Each structure stands twice: as structure tokens, then as C-alpha cells.
Amino acid sequence: MVKETERLFIRVLEAGDVKPLKRIWGDEEVMGLCAGATAHEKLPKIVEYYVKCHDEKGLSVYAVVEKASGIVIGTAGFNVENTIEKVELIYHFAKQSWGKGLAYEAVSACVEVAKANNVVKCLYASADPTNLSSLRILEKLGFKYIGMKWFDDTNQEEPYYELDVR
């Protein structure tokens, strides 16, 4: 267990999460404002990658589990590249979980995880300019708007935000 909130468990991904991840990363509507849906056959390798990332770097993208149902309803956490001093915050949720404040609750918990890690200095995030819900989450969490930035994976300019967590 990485973190617990009132309604959620945030935990390291597991091989058994591949099936629920099809409803998240494999769903074109969910991922339509990102780089698009991930092919289902790639999901096991992605899960392995994020488990290894957590083991080696202490941060990763995590499963978000609804306490009441025990179901994986989303993912939230950190894309770690070369360093964990500055990491990308990401989050994706199944359609059935939209509009319930669960993304904010999970992402807020992830920000707490980053703050508790003594190496992370800055989080950054972006979202499709039309994804007003995600942009509001970032602003509510205190992320500062830096400006528009080009992203090759989505092939567009997106609002780019940073949060100092030192």
C-alpha cells in the first residue's frame, strides 16, 4: 500500500490489474484526450515496467482502488524518467468514476507521496486544453500554470503546470 484516503487505496500495480486497465488505458474515450488508447496486448509489459519503476526508484504510476467495491477504478502517480527530482504527475480514470471527486482525491494523495519523498523537488503535469476537469484538479492542488508547451505524444500544445514540493 502506497497511500490510503477516505474512499481509496493507492497501491503498486499488479499483474492481475491488466483486465481492469483495459477499461482505463485501453479505452479510447478515456484516453482520447491523451495519446490514445493502449493496445490491450501491451498492458502486461506496462504493468511490469511500473512495478520495476517503483522497486528501483520508489515512485511510479499506481493502481487506484475504490475501497467500497475493491475495484481498480483508475491510475495515478508519476512517470519517472532520468531523475526523481522532477517527475510528471499523471492520472486516468474509468468512465464510471468520472465526476465523483475520486481523481482529485487520488491525485491529492499522490502529491502527498511526492512531498514525503525527500528527493522530489518538482512535479509537472499537462492536460488537453479541452479537459477542463483535469485542469481544475491541477489548479486546485496548487499547480502553477507555466504556459503552453508542445507534446510529441499527443501532437499538440497543452497547458503545462508545475508544483514545487520541497
N, C-alpha and C. Protein backbone atom coordinates (compact mmCIF):
# COMPACT_ATOMS: atom_id res chain seq x y z
N MET A 1 0.85 -1.18 0.00
CA MET A 1 0.00 0.00 0.00
C MET A 1 0.89 1.24 0.00
N VAL A 2 0.62 2.12 -0.95
CA VAL A 2 1.39 3.35 -1.04
C VAL A 2 0.73 4.45 -0.22
N LYS A 3 -0.61 4.54 -0.31
CA LYS A 3 -1.35 5.60 0.39
C LYS A 3 -2.82 5.18 0.49
N GLU A 4 -3.47 5.63 1.54
CA GLU A 4 -4.89 5.37 1.72
C GLU A 4 -5.59 6.70 1.94
N THR A 5 -6.78 6.85 1.33
CA THR A 5 -7.60 8.04 1.54
C THR A 5 -8.94 7.58 2.09
N GLU A 6 -9.85 8.49 2.23
CA GLU A 6 -11.17 8.15 2.76
C GLU A 6 -11.86 7.08 1.93
N ARG A 7 -11.79 7.19 0.59
CA ARG A 7 -12.51 6.26 -0.28
C ARG A 7 -11.63 5.37 -1.14
N LEU A 8 -10.31 5.56 -1.04
CA LEU A 8 -9.42 4.89 -2.00
C LEU A 8 -8.19 4.26 -1.35
N PHE A 9 -7.68 3.24 -2.02
CA PHE A 9 -6.35 2.70 -1.76
C PHE A 9 -5.51 3.04 -2.99
N ILE A 10 -4.31 3.53 -2.76
CA ILE A 10 -3.35 3.76 -3.83
C ILE A 10 -2.26 2.71 -3.61
N ARG A 11 -2.08 1.82 -4.59
CA ARG A 11 -1.12 0.73 -4.41
C ARG A 11 -0.34 0.46 -5.69
N VAL A 12 0.75 -0.26 -5.52
CA VAL A 12 1.58 -0.66 -6.65
C VAL A 12 0.73 -1.55 -7.58
N LEU A 13 0.90 -1.35 -8.86
CA LEU A 13 0.20 -2.18 -9.85
C LEU A 13 0.63 -3.64 -9.70
N GLU A 14 -0.27 -4.55 -10.10
CA GLU A 14 -0.03 -5.99 -10.04
C GLU A 14 -0.43 -6.61 -11.38
N ALA A 15 0.09 -7.79 -11.65
CA ALA A 15 -0.24 -8.48 -12.91
C ALA A 15 -1.75 -8.65 -13.09
N GLY A 16 -2.47 -8.86 -12.01
CA GLY A 16 -3.92 -9.03 -12.08
C GLY A 16 -4.68 -7.77 -12.45
N ASP A 17 -3.97 -6.63 -12.51
CA ASP A 17 -4.62 -5.36 -12.86
C ASP A 17 -4.79 -5.17 -14.36
N VAL A 18 -4.23 -6.07 -15.16
CA VAL A 18 -4.31 -5.90 -16.61
C VAL A 18 -5.76 -5.82 -17.08
N LYS A 19 -6.62 -6.69 -16.57
CA LYS A 19 -8.02 -6.69 -17.01
C LYS A 19 -8.71 -5.35 -16.70
N PRO A 20 -8.66 -4.83 -15.46
CA PRO A 20 -9.31 -3.54 -15.23
C PRO A 20 -8.63 -2.38 -15.99
N LEU A 21 -7.35 -2.51 -16.28
CA LEU A 21 -6.67 -1.45 -17.03
C LEU A 21 -7.17 -1.35 -18.47
N LYS A 22 -7.78 -2.42 -18.97
CA LYS A 22 -8.39 -2.35 -20.30
C LYS A 22 -9.51 -1.31 -20.32
N ARG A 23 -10.21 -1.14 -19.16
CA ARG A 23 -11.29 -0.16 -19.06
C ARG A 23 -10.75 1.26 -18.87
N ILE A 24 -9.45 1.36 -18.67
CA ILE A 24 -8.85 2.67 -18.44
C ILE A 24 -7.92 3.00 -19.60
N TRP A 25 -6.71 2.45 -19.57
CA TRP A 25 -5.73 2.74 -20.62
C TRP A 25 -6.13 2.17 -21.97
N GLY A 26 -6.95 1.14 -21.99
CA GLY A 26 -7.37 0.53 -23.25
C GLY A 26 -8.66 1.11 -23.81
N ASP A 27 -9.22 2.12 -23.16
CA ASP A 27 -10.49 2.72 -23.58
C ASP A 27 -10.23 4.00 -24.36
N GLU A 28 -10.68 4.04 -25.59
CA GLU A 28 -10.42 5.20 -26.45
C GLU A 28 -11.06 6.48 -25.90
N GLU A 29 -12.23 6.38 -25.29
CA GLU A 29 -12.85 7.59 -24.75
C GLU A 29 -12.06 8.12 -23.56
N VAL A 30 -11.61 7.23 -22.68
CA VAL A 30 -10.83 7.65 -21.52
C VAL A 30 -9.51 8.27 -21.96
N MET A 31 -8.85 7.65 -22.92
CA MET A 31 -7.52 8.07 -23.34
C MET A 31 -7.53 8.98 -24.56
N GLY A 32 -8.71 9.32 -25.04
CA GLY A 32 -8.84 10.12 -26.25
C GLY A 32 -8.18 11.48 -26.17
N LEU A 33 -8.14 12.07 -24.99
CA LEU A 33 -7.52 13.39 -24.83
C LEU A 33 -6.04 13.27 -24.45
N CYS A 34 -5.55 12.05 -24.39
CA CYS A 34 -4.12 11.80 -24.13
C CYS A 34 -3.51 11.33 -25.46
N ALA A 35 -2.71 10.35 -25.43
CA ALA A 35 -2.08 9.85 -26.66
C ALA A 35 -2.91 8.77 -27.33
N GLY A 36 -4.11 8.51 -26.82
CA GLY A 36 -4.97 7.47 -27.38
C GLY A 36 -4.87 6.19 -26.59
N ALA A 37 -5.80 5.29 -26.83
CA ALA A 37 -5.87 4.03 -26.10
C ALA A 37 -4.64 3.18 -26.37
N THR A 38 -4.26 2.41 -25.36
CA THR A 38 -3.15 1.47 -25.46
C THR A 38 -3.68 0.12 -25.89
N ALA A 39 -2.97 -0.52 -26.81
CA ALA A 39 -3.36 -1.86 -27.25
C ALA A 39 -3.35 -2.81 -26.05
N HIS A 40 -4.39 -3.60 -25.91
CA HIS A 40 -4.53 -4.48 -24.75
C HIS A 40 -3.34 -5.41 -24.56
N GLU A 41 -2.76 -5.89 -25.65
CA GLU A 41 -1.63 -6.81 -25.53
C GLU A 41 -0.37 -6.16 -24.95
N LYS A 42 -0.31 -4.83 -24.93
CA LYS A 42 0.84 -4.11 -24.37
C LYS A 42 0.72 -3.90 -22.86
N LEU A 43 -0.47 -4.06 -22.32
CA LEU A 43 -0.71 -3.74 -20.91
C LEU A 43 0.14 -4.56 -19.93
N PRO A 44 0.33 -5.87 -20.12
CA PRO A 44 1.17 -6.60 -19.17
C PRO A 44 2.59 -6.04 -19.05
N LYS A 45 3.18 -5.64 -20.18
CA LYS A 45 4.53 -5.07 -20.16
C LYS A 45 4.54 -3.70 -19.47
N ILE A 46 3.49 -2.94 -19.65
CA ILE A 46 3.40 -1.63 -19.00
C ILE A 46 3.30 -1.81 -17.49
N VAL A 47 2.49 -2.76 -17.05
CA VAL A 47 2.39 -3.05 -15.62
C VAL A 47 3.76 -3.46 -15.08
N GLU A 48 4.45 -4.35 -15.77
CA GLU A 48 5.79 -4.78 -15.34
C GLU A 48 6.73 -3.59 -15.22
N TYR A 49 6.68 -2.70 -16.20
CA TYR A 49 7.53 -1.50 -16.19
C TYR A 49 7.27 -0.65 -14.94
N TYR A 50 6.00 -0.40 -14.63
CA TYR A 50 5.69 0.45 -13.49
C TYR A 50 6.02 -0.23 -12.16
N VAL A 51 5.89 -1.54 -12.07
CA VAL A 51 6.29 -2.25 -10.85
C VAL A 51 7.80 -2.11 -10.66
N LYS A 52 8.55 -2.31 -11.73
CA LYS A 52 10.02 -2.17 -11.68
C LYS A 52 10.41 -0.74 -11.32
N CYS A 53 9.72 0.21 -11.87
CA CYS A 53 9.98 1.62 -11.57
C CYS A 53 9.81 1.89 -10.07
N HIS A 54 8.73 1.38 -9.50
CA HIS A 54 8.51 1.56 -8.06
C HIS A 54 9.62 0.90 -7.25
N ASP A 55 9.99 -0.32 -7.63
CA ASP A 55 11.03 -1.06 -6.92
C ASP A 55 12.38 -0.35 -6.98
N GLU A 56 12.70 0.22 -8.13
CA GLU A 56 14.02 0.82 -8.33
C GLU A 56 14.10 2.29 -7.92
N LYS A 57 13.01 3.03 -8.10
CA LYS A 57 13.07 4.47 -7.88
C LYS A 57 12.18 4.97 -6.75
N GLY A 58 11.31 4.10 -6.24
CA GLY A 58 10.47 4.48 -5.12
C GLY A 58 9.23 5.27 -5.49
N LEU A 59 9.06 5.56 -6.76
CA LEU A 59 7.87 6.24 -7.27
C LEU A 59 7.44 5.57 -8.56
N SER A 60 6.16 5.67 -8.87
CA SER A 60 5.67 5.05 -10.09
C SER A 60 4.24 5.52 -10.36
N VAL A 61 3.62 4.93 -11.35
CA VAL A 61 2.19 5.07 -11.57
C VAL A 61 1.54 3.92 -10.81
N TYR A 62 0.46 4.22 -10.08
CA TYR A 62 -0.15 3.26 -9.17
C TYR A 62 -1.60 2.96 -9.55
N ALA A 63 -2.08 1.83 -9.05
CA ALA A 63 -3.49 1.48 -9.18
C ALA A 63 -4.27 2.27 -8.15
N VAL A 64 -5.42 2.77 -8.56
CA VAL A 64 -6.35 3.44 -7.64
C VAL A 64 -7.53 2.49 -7.45
N VAL A 65 -7.70 2.03 -6.22
CA VAL A 65 -8.72 1.03 -5.91
C VAL A 65 -9.79 1.68 -5.04
N GLU A 66 -11.03 1.55 -5.46
CA GLU A 66 -12.15 2.04 -4.67
C GLU A 66 -12.35 1.09 -3.48
N LYS A 67 -12.31 1.64 -2.26
CA LYS A 67 -12.44 0.81 -1.07
C LYS A 67 -13.76 0.05 -1.03
N ALA A 68 -14.85 0.73 -1.34
CA ALA A 68 -16.18 0.13 -1.19
C ALA A 68 -16.36 -1.10 -2.07
N SER A 69 -15.80 -1.07 -3.27
CA SER A 69 -16.01 -2.18 -4.22
C SER A 69 -14.78 -3.08 -4.38
N GLY A 70 -13.61 -2.57 -4.04
CA GLY A 70 -12.37 -3.32 -4.26
C GLY A 70 -11.93 -3.33 -5.72
N ILE A 71 -12.56 -2.49 -6.54
CA ILE A 71 -12.29 -2.45 -7.97
C ILE A 71 -11.25 -1.38 -8.30
N VAL A 72 -10.34 -1.70 -9.23
CA VAL A 72 -9.40 -0.71 -9.77
C VAL A 72 -10.20 0.23 -10.66
N ILE A 73 -10.27 1.49 -10.25
CA ILE A 73 -11.07 2.47 -10.99
C ILE A 73 -10.21 3.46 -11.75
N GLY A 74 -8.89 3.42 -11.51
CA GLY A 74 -8.03 4.36 -12.19
C GLY A 74 -6.58 4.10 -11.90
N THR A 75 -5.76 5.00 -12.45
CA THR A 75 -4.34 5.01 -12.18
C THR A 75 -3.93 6.44 -11.87
N ALA A 76 -2.95 6.57 -11.01
CA ALA A 76 -2.42 7.90 -10.68
C ALA A 76 -1.01 7.72 -10.18
N GLY A 77 -0.20 8.71 -10.39
CA GLY A 77 1.16 8.64 -9.90
C GLY A 77 2.12 9.37 -10.82
N PHE A 78 3.30 8.78 -10.99
CA PHE A 78 4.42 9.52 -11.55
C PHE A 78 5.11 8.77 -12.68
N ASN A 79 5.27 9.46 -13.79
CA ASN A 79 6.14 8.98 -14.85
C ASN A 79 7.53 9.47 -14.50
N VAL A 80 8.42 8.53 -14.21
CA VAL A 80 9.78 8.87 -13.80
C VAL A 80 10.70 8.61 -14.98
N GLU A 81 11.45 9.62 -15.36
CA GLU A 81 12.39 9.41 -16.46
C GLU A 81 13.79 9.28 -15.88
N ASN A 82 14.64 10.24 -16.07
CA ASN A 82 16.04 10.13 -15.65
C ASN A 82 16.24 10.37 -14.16
N THR A 83 15.48 11.25 -13.58
CA THR A 83 15.66 11.63 -12.19
C THR A 83 14.31 11.69 -11.49
N ILE A 84 14.32 11.53 -10.17
CA ILE A 84 13.06 11.72 -9.46
C ILE A 84 12.98 13.10 -8.82
N GLU A 85 13.96 13.96 -9.12
CA GLU A 85 13.89 15.33 -8.62
C GLU A 85 12.73 16.10 -9.27
N LYS A 86 12.48 15.81 -10.54
CA LYS A 86 11.39 16.44 -11.28
C LYS A 86 10.66 15.33 -12.03
N VAL A 87 9.40 15.06 -11.64
CA VAL A 87 8.65 13.96 -12.24
C VAL A 87 7.28 14.44 -12.71
N GLU A 88 6.77 13.72 -13.70
CA GLU A 88 5.46 14.03 -14.26
C GLU A 88 4.36 13.34 -13.45
N LEU A 89 3.36 14.10 -13.08
CA LEU A 89 2.16 13.57 -12.43
C LEU A 89 1.15 13.23 -13.52
N ILE A 90 0.64 11.98 -13.48
CA ILE A 90 -0.39 11.59 -14.44
C ILE A 90 -1.54 10.91 -13.71
N TYR A 91 -2.71 10.90 -14.33
CA TYR A 91 -3.86 10.21 -13.77
C TYR A 91 -4.88 9.95 -14.87
N HIS A 92 -5.49 8.76 -14.78
CA HIS A 92 -6.52 8.33 -15.73
C HIS A 92 -7.55 7.51 -14.96
N PHE A 93 -8.83 7.71 -15.24
CA PHE A 93 -9.90 7.02 -14.52
C PHE A 93 -10.94 6.46 -15.46
N ALA A 94 -11.48 5.29 -15.09
CA ALA A 94 -12.56 4.67 -15.86
C ALA A 94 -13.76 5.62 -15.91
N LYS A 95 -14.48 5.58 -17.00
CA LYS A 95 -15.62 6.49 -17.20
C LYS A 95 -16.61 6.46 -16.04
N GLN A 96 -16.83 5.28 -15.45
CA GLN A 96 -17.81 5.14 -14.38
C GLN A 96 -17.41 5.94 -13.13
N SER A 97 -16.16 6.36 -13.05
CA SER A 97 -15.67 7.09 -11.88
C SER A 97 -15.62 8.60 -12.09
N TRP A 98 -15.92 9.04 -13.28
CA TRP A 98 -15.84 10.47 -13.57
C TRP A 98 -16.90 11.25 -12.79
N GLY A 99 -16.55 12.47 -12.42
CA GLY A 99 -17.49 13.40 -11.79
C GLY A 99 -17.81 13.11 -10.34
N LYS A 100 -17.01 12.31 -9.66
CA LYS A 100 -17.28 11.95 -8.26
C LYS A 100 -16.22 12.47 -7.30
N GLY A 101 -15.26 13.23 -7.80
CA GLY A 101 -14.19 13.74 -6.96
C GLY A 101 -13.11 12.72 -6.65
N LEU A 102 -13.17 11.55 -7.27
CA LEU A 102 -12.20 10.50 -6.99
C LEU A 102 -10.83 10.81 -7.57
N ALA A 103 -10.79 11.42 -8.73
CA ALA A 103 -9.49 11.79 -9.33
C ALA A 103 -8.78 12.80 -8.43
N TYR A 104 -9.50 13.80 -7.98
CA TYR A 104 -8.88 14.80 -7.09
C TYR A 104 -8.36 14.12 -5.82
N GLU A 105 -9.15 13.24 -5.25
CA GLU A 105 -8.75 12.54 -4.02
C GLU A 105 -7.48 11.72 -4.24
N ALA A 106 -7.42 11.00 -5.35
CA ALA A 106 -6.25 10.17 -5.65
C ALA A 106 -5.02 11.01 -5.96
N VAL A 107 -5.20 12.03 -6.77
CA VAL A 107 -4.06 12.87 -7.17
C VAL A 107 -3.53 13.64 -5.96
N SER A 108 -4.42 14.10 -5.11
CA SER A 108 -4.00 14.78 -3.88
C SER A 108 -3.14 13.85 -3.02
N ALA A 109 -3.55 12.59 -2.93
CA ALA A 109 -2.77 11.60 -2.18
C ALA A 109 -1.40 11.40 -2.82
N CYS A 110 -1.35 11.38 -4.15
CA CYS A 110 -0.07 11.21 -4.84
C CYS A 110 0.85 12.41 -4.60
N VAL A 111 0.30 13.60 -4.55
CA VAL A 111 1.12 14.78 -4.23
C VAL A 111 1.71 14.63 -2.83
N GLU A 112 0.94 14.10 -1.90
CA GLU A 112 1.46 13.85 -0.54
C GLU A 112 2.60 12.84 -0.57
N VAL A 113 2.48 11.81 -1.39
CA VAL A 113 3.54 10.81 -1.54
C VAL A 113 4.82 11.50 -2.05
N ALA A 114 4.67 12.36 -3.05
CA ALA A 114 5.84 13.07 -3.60
C ALA A 114 6.48 13.97 -2.54
N LYS A 115 5.66 14.65 -1.76
CA LYS A 115 6.18 15.55 -0.72
C LYS A 115 6.92 14.75 0.36
N ALA A 116 6.46 13.54 0.64
CA ALA A 116 7.10 12.71 1.66
C ALA A 116 8.43 12.12 1.16
N ASN A 117 8.60 12.08 -0.15
CA ASN A 117 9.84 11.59 -0.74
C ASN A 117 10.84 12.75 -0.69
N ASN A 118 11.93 12.57 -0.03
CA ASN A 118 12.86 13.68 0.20
C ASN A 118 13.70 14.06 -1.01
N VAL A 119 13.53 13.36 -2.12
CA VAL A 119 14.30 13.67 -3.32
C VAL A 119 13.50 14.52 -4.31
N VAL A 120 12.20 14.29 -4.40
CA VAL A 120 11.36 15.02 -5.36
C VAL A 120 11.33 16.51 -4.99
N LYS A 121 11.61 17.33 -6.00
CA LYS A 121 11.58 18.78 -5.80
C LYS A 121 10.43 19.43 -6.56
N CYS A 122 10.08 18.85 -7.69
CA CYS A 122 9.07 19.48 -8.55
C CYS A 122 8.24 18.41 -9.25
N LEU A 123 6.94 18.64 -9.30
CA LEU A 123 6.03 17.84 -10.10
C LEU A 123 5.61 18.69 -11.29
N TYR A 124 5.40 18.06 -12.42
CA TYR A 124 4.84 18.77 -13.56
C TYR A 124 3.71 17.95 -14.15
N ALA A 125 2.82 18.63 -14.83
CA ALA A 125 1.67 17.97 -15.43
C ALA A 125 1.14 18.82 -16.57
N SER A 126 0.43 18.16 -17.45
CA SER A 126 -0.24 18.86 -18.54
C SER A 126 -1.55 18.12 -18.81
N ALA A 127 -2.41 18.76 -19.56
CA ALA A 127 -3.67 18.13 -19.95
C ALA A 127 -4.14 18.76 -21.26
N ASP A 128 -4.93 18.01 -21.96
CA ASP A 128 -5.54 18.54 -23.18
C ASP A 128 -6.26 19.84 -22.81
N PRO A 129 -6.14 20.88 -23.64
CA PRO A 129 -6.78 22.16 -23.30
C PRO A 129 -8.29 22.08 -23.14
N THR A 130 -8.92 21.05 -23.71
CA THR A 130 -10.38 20.91 -23.57
C THR A 130 -10.78 20.08 -22.35
N ASN A 131 -9.79 19.50 -21.66
CA ASN A 131 -10.08 18.67 -20.49
C ASN A 131 -10.12 19.56 -19.24
N LEU A 132 -11.19 20.32 -19.14
CA LEU A 132 -11.31 21.31 -18.07
C LEU A 132 -11.30 20.69 -16.68
N SER A 133 -11.82 19.47 -16.54
CA SER A 133 -11.82 18.81 -15.23
C SER A 133 -10.39 18.56 -14.75
N SER A 134 -9.53 18.07 -15.63
CA SER A 134 -8.14 17.83 -15.25
C SER A 134 -7.41 19.13 -14.95
N LEU A 135 -7.67 20.14 -15.73
CA LEU A 135 -7.02 21.43 -15.49
C LEU A 135 -7.45 22.01 -14.14
N ARG A 136 -8.72 21.86 -13.79
CA ARG A 136 -9.21 22.34 -12.49
C ARG A 136 -8.55 21.57 -11.33
N ILE A 137 -8.36 20.26 -11.50
CA ILE A 137 -7.69 19.47 -10.47
C ILE A 137 -6.30 20.02 -10.21
N LEU A 138 -5.54 20.26 -11.27
CA LEU A 138 -4.18 20.78 -11.11
C LEU A 138 -4.19 22.13 -10.40
N GLU A 139 -5.08 23.00 -10.80
CA GLU A 139 -5.14 24.33 -10.18
C GLU A 139 -5.57 24.24 -8.72
N LYS A 140 -6.53 23.37 -8.42
CA LYS A 140 -7.00 23.19 -7.04
C LYS A 140 -5.88 22.66 -6.14
N LEU A 141 -4.99 21.86 -6.70
CA LEU A 141 -3.86 21.31 -5.94
C LEU A 141 -2.70 22.30 -5.79
N GLY A 142 -2.82 23.46 -6.41
CA GLY A 142 -1.79 24.48 -6.27
C GLY A 142 -0.73 24.47 -7.36
N PHE A 143 -0.93 23.68 -8.41
CA PHE A 143 0.00 23.71 -9.53
C PHE A 143 -0.07 25.10 -10.17
N LYS A 144 1.08 25.60 -10.58
CA LYS A 144 1.17 26.91 -11.22
C LYS A 144 1.24 26.73 -12.74
N TYR A 145 0.40 27.50 -13.42
CA TYR A 145 0.39 27.48 -14.88
C TYR A 145 1.69 28.13 -15.37
N ILE A 146 2.46 27.41 -16.18
CA ILE A 146 3.72 27.93 -16.71
C ILE A 146 3.51 28.48 -18.12
N GLY A 147 2.67 27.83 -18.90
CA GLY A 147 2.41 28.27 -20.27
C GLY A 147 2.05 27.09 -21.14
N MET A 148 1.88 27.35 -22.41
CA MET A 148 1.57 26.29 -23.36
C MET A 148 2.88 25.63 -23.79
N LYS A 149 2.84 24.31 -23.94
CA LYS A 149 4.03 23.55 -24.30
C LYS A 149 3.65 22.46 -25.29
N TRP A 150 4.51 22.23 -26.27
CA TRP A 150 4.28 21.20 -27.28
C TRP A 150 4.62 19.83 -26.70
N PHE A 151 3.74 18.84 -26.97
CA PHE A 151 3.97 17.46 -26.56
C PHE A 151 3.88 16.57 -27.78
N ASP A 152 4.97 15.85 -28.05
CA ASP A 152 5.03 14.97 -29.22
C ASP A 152 4.05 13.81 -29.12
N ASP A 153 3.85 13.27 -27.89
CA ASP A 153 2.99 12.09 -27.75
C ASP A 153 1.53 12.40 -28.09
N THR A 154 1.09 13.61 -27.80
CA THR A 154 -0.29 13.99 -28.13
C THR A 154 -0.36 14.85 -29.40
N ASN A 155 0.81 15.23 -29.90
CA ASN A 155 0.89 16.02 -31.12
C ASN A 155 0.14 17.34 -31.03
N GLN A 156 0.30 18.01 -29.88
CA GLN A 156 -0.38 19.29 -29.70
C GLN A 156 0.26 20.11 -28.58
N GLU A 157 -0.11 21.37 -28.54
CA GLU A 157 0.27 22.23 -27.42
C GLU A 157 -0.75 22.03 -26.31
N GLU A 158 -0.25 21.97 -25.06
CA GLU A 158 -1.11 21.78 -23.91
C GLU A 158 -0.71 22.72 -22.80
N PRO A 159 -1.65 23.09 -21.94
CA PRO A 159 -1.30 23.87 -20.76
C PRO A 159 -0.35 23.04 -19.89
N TYR A 160 0.75 23.67 -19.48
CA TYR A 160 1.80 22.99 -18.71
C TYR A 160 1.87 23.63 -17.32
N TYR A 161 1.89 22.78 -16.30
CA TYR A 161 1.87 23.22 -14.91
C TYR A 161 3.02 22.60 -14.12
N GLU A 162 3.45 23.31 -13.07
CA GLU A 162 4.45 22.78 -12.14
C GLU A 162 4.03 23.05 -10.71
N LEU A 163 4.52 22.18 -9.81
CA LEU A 163 4.29 22.33 -8.37
C LEU A 163 5.59 22.05 -7.64
N ASP A 164 6.05 23.04 -6.86
CA ASP A 164 7.24 22.86 -6.03
C ASP A 164 6.82 22.07 -4.81
N VAL A 165 7.48 20.94 -4.55
CA VAL A 165 7.09 20.08 -3.41
C VAL A 165 8.16 20.04 -2.33
N ARG A 166 9.17 20.91 -2.41
CA ARG A 166 10.22 20.93 -1.38
C ARG A 166 9.71 21.46 -0.09
